Amino acid sequence: MKPLFVPLKTEYYEAFADGSKREELRRYGPRWNEKTCAVGREVVLSKGYGKQHRMAGRISKFKRQHGSTFGSTYKAAILDVFGTLDIEIACVAIELTPNAEVSGAEDLERLAYACQVACSRSAGGRV
């Protein structure tokens, strides 16, 4: 399974980097659930969508929780983002891989291969 890509605002990316943040909260649904956020799955934390600032890690815990059952700090964040506490939240705990920044090189290799395959198919199997 591919690593789960998690784009973050700068403040949250930096909080993961300095160790003060270990969990990411997202709206529970098709993209953020027990299947897509399986414990042990690799993740790539990204500062926004750029390829310059990325960290690797693994999902260490997953839980589905109603917004109203969180503590005051998380409740404030949930209200700020979603405007209500009457929402199911995917709480994803992430353990960073020490000294493992992810470069864009892996993405470029995958893209080059995909282009090669696509070109091969459109040329009738010839490259």
Protein backbone atom coordinates (compact mmCIF):
# COMPACT_ATOMS: atom_id res chain seq x y z
CA MET A 1 0.00 0.00 0.00
CA LYS A 2 1.22 3.49 -0.87
CA PRO A 3 2.12 5.83 1.99
CA LEU A 4 -0.75 8.04 3.13
CA PHE A 5 -0.10 11.62 2.02
CA VAL A 6 -0.95 14.16 4.73
CA PRO A 7 -0.65 17.83 3.70
CA LEU A 8 -0.40 20.16 6.70
CA LYS A 9 -0.42 23.88 7.40
CA THR A 10 3.04 25.17 8.33
CA GLU A 11 2.22 25.49 12.04
CA TYR A 12 1.09 21.84 12.27
CA TYR A 13 3.99 20.55 10.16
CA GLU A 14 6.44 22.32 12.47
CA ALA A 15 4.63 20.98 15.56
CA PHE A 16 5.11 17.41 14.26
CA ALA A 17 8.76 18.23 13.49
CA ASP A 18 9.47 19.52 17.02
CA GLY A 19 7.55 16.67 18.67
CA SER A 20 4.79 18.77 20.22
CA LYS A 21 2.15 17.25 17.92
CA ARG A 22 1.65 13.50 17.51
CA GLU A 23 -1.95 13.23 16.30
CA GLU A 24 -3.74 14.52 13.24
CA LEU A 25 -7.50 15.09 13.31
CA ARG A 26 -9.53 14.84 10.12
CA ARG A 27 -13.22 14.49 9.29
CA TYR A 28 -14.07 10.79 9.41
CA GLY A 29 -15.15 9.53 5.99
CA PRO A 30 -13.99 7.78 2.82
CA ARG A 31 -10.46 9.25 2.93
CA TRP A 32 -9.93 9.08 6.70
CA ASN A 33 -11.17 5.81 8.23
CA GLU A 34 -9.98 2.49 9.70
CA LYS A 35 -9.19 1.05 6.28
CA THR A 36 -7.23 3.97 4.83
CA CYS A 37 -5.51 4.75 8.15
CA ALA A 38 -4.48 1.21 9.13
CA VAL A 39 -2.03 0.95 12.02
CA GLY A 40 1.44 0.40 10.57
CA ARG A 41 0.75 2.20 7.29
CA GLU A 42 3.51 4.53 6.21
CA VAL A 43 2.68 8.23 5.99
CA VAL A 44 4.27 11.24 4.37
CA LEU A 45 3.69 14.50 6.23
CA SER A 46 4.05 17.45 3.89
CA LYS A 47 4.24 21.17 4.57
CA GLY A 48 1.47 22.11 2.17
CA TYR A 49 1.54 20.40 -1.21
CA GLY A 50 5.12 21.28 -2.17
CA LYS A 51 7.91 18.71 -2.33
CA GLN A 52 10.46 20.69 -0.32
CA HIS A 53 9.41 19.86 3.25
CA ARG A 54 8.34 16.30 3.96
CA MET A 55 8.73 13.83 6.83
CA ALA A 56 8.14 10.10 6.92
CA GLY A 57 6.37 8.15 9.63
CA ARG A 58 3.88 5.38 10.42
CA ILE A 59 0.39 5.31 11.83
CA SER A 60 0.67 4.05 15.41
CA LYS A 61 -2.99 4.33 16.43
CA PHE A 62 -6.35 5.14 14.91
CA LYS A 63 -9.64 5.95 16.55
CA ARG A 64 -13.00 7.30 15.47
CA GLN A 65 -14.37 9.78 17.97
CA HIS A 66 -17.30 12.18 18.15
CA GLY A 67 -16.22 15.82 18.19
CA SER A 68 -18.06 16.57 21.43
CA THR A 69 -15.98 14.01 23.40
CA PHE A 70 -12.58 15.67 22.93
CA GLY A 71 -10.84 17.88 25.49
CA SER A 72 -11.12 21.67 25.34
CA THR A 73 -8.05 22.27 23.14
CA TYR A 74 -9.17 19.82 20.46
CA LYS A 75 -12.78 20.99 20.73
CA ALA A 76 -11.67 24.55 19.96
CA ALA A 77 -9.72 23.37 16.91
CA ILE A 78 -12.64 21.24 15.67
CA LEU A 79 -15.05 24.17 16.06
CA ASP A 80 -12.62 26.48 14.27
CA VAL A 81 -12.28 24.15 11.27
CA PHE A 82 -15.72 22.55 10.99
CA GLY A 83 -17.98 25.00 12.82
CA THR A 84 -19.60 22.24 14.88
CA LEU A 85 -18.78 19.53 17.39
CA ASP A 86 -21.52 17.31 16.01
CA ILE A 87 -19.12 15.51 13.69
CA GLU A 88 -17.21 12.22 13.61
CA ILE A 89 -13.45 12.71 13.73
CA ALA A 90 -10.64 10.40 12.62
CA CYS A 91 -7.87 10.72 15.19
CA VAL A 92 -4.65 9.43 13.63
CA ALA A 93 -1.56 9.02 15.84
CA ILE A 94 1.67 9.23 13.84
CA GLU A 95 5.18 8.19 14.89
CA LEU A 96 7.84 9.92 12.85
CA THR A 97 10.74 7.94 11.45
CA PRO A 98 13.88 9.53 12.98
CA ASN A 99 16.01 11.52 10.52
CA ALA A 100 13.84 10.47 7.56
CA GLU A 101 12.93 13.40 5.39
CA VAL A 102 11.24 12.44 2.16
CA SER A 103 12.56 13.91 -1.06
CA GLY A 104 10.69 14.46 -4.26
CA ALA A 105 13.00 11.94 -5.98
CA GLU A 106 10.73 9.00 -5.14
CA ASP A 107 7.76 10.84 -6.63
CA LEU A 108 9.72 11.70 -9.76
CA GLU A 109 10.73 8.06 -10.23
CA ARG A 110 7.08 6.96 -9.93
CA LEU A 111 6.00 9.68 -12.36
CA ALA A 112 8.68 8.73 -14.89
CA TYR A 113 7.63 5.09 -14.74
CA ALA A 114 3.94 5.98 -15.12
CA CYS A 115 4.75 8.13 -18.16
CA GLN A 116 6.81 5.31 -19.66
CA VAL A 117 3.95 2.85 -19.20
CA ALA A 118 1.40 5.31 -20.63
CA CYS A 119 3.61 6.05 -23.63
CA SER A 120 4.16 2.34 -24.17
CA ARG A 121 0.42 1.69 -24.22
CA SER A 122 -0.34 4.55 -26.60
CA ALA A 123 2.44 3.39 -28.96
CA GLY A 124 1.00 -0.12 -29.10
CA GLY A 125 3.53 -1.54 -26.64
CA ARG A 126 6.59 0.14 -28.21
CA VAL A 127 8.72 2.60 -26.30
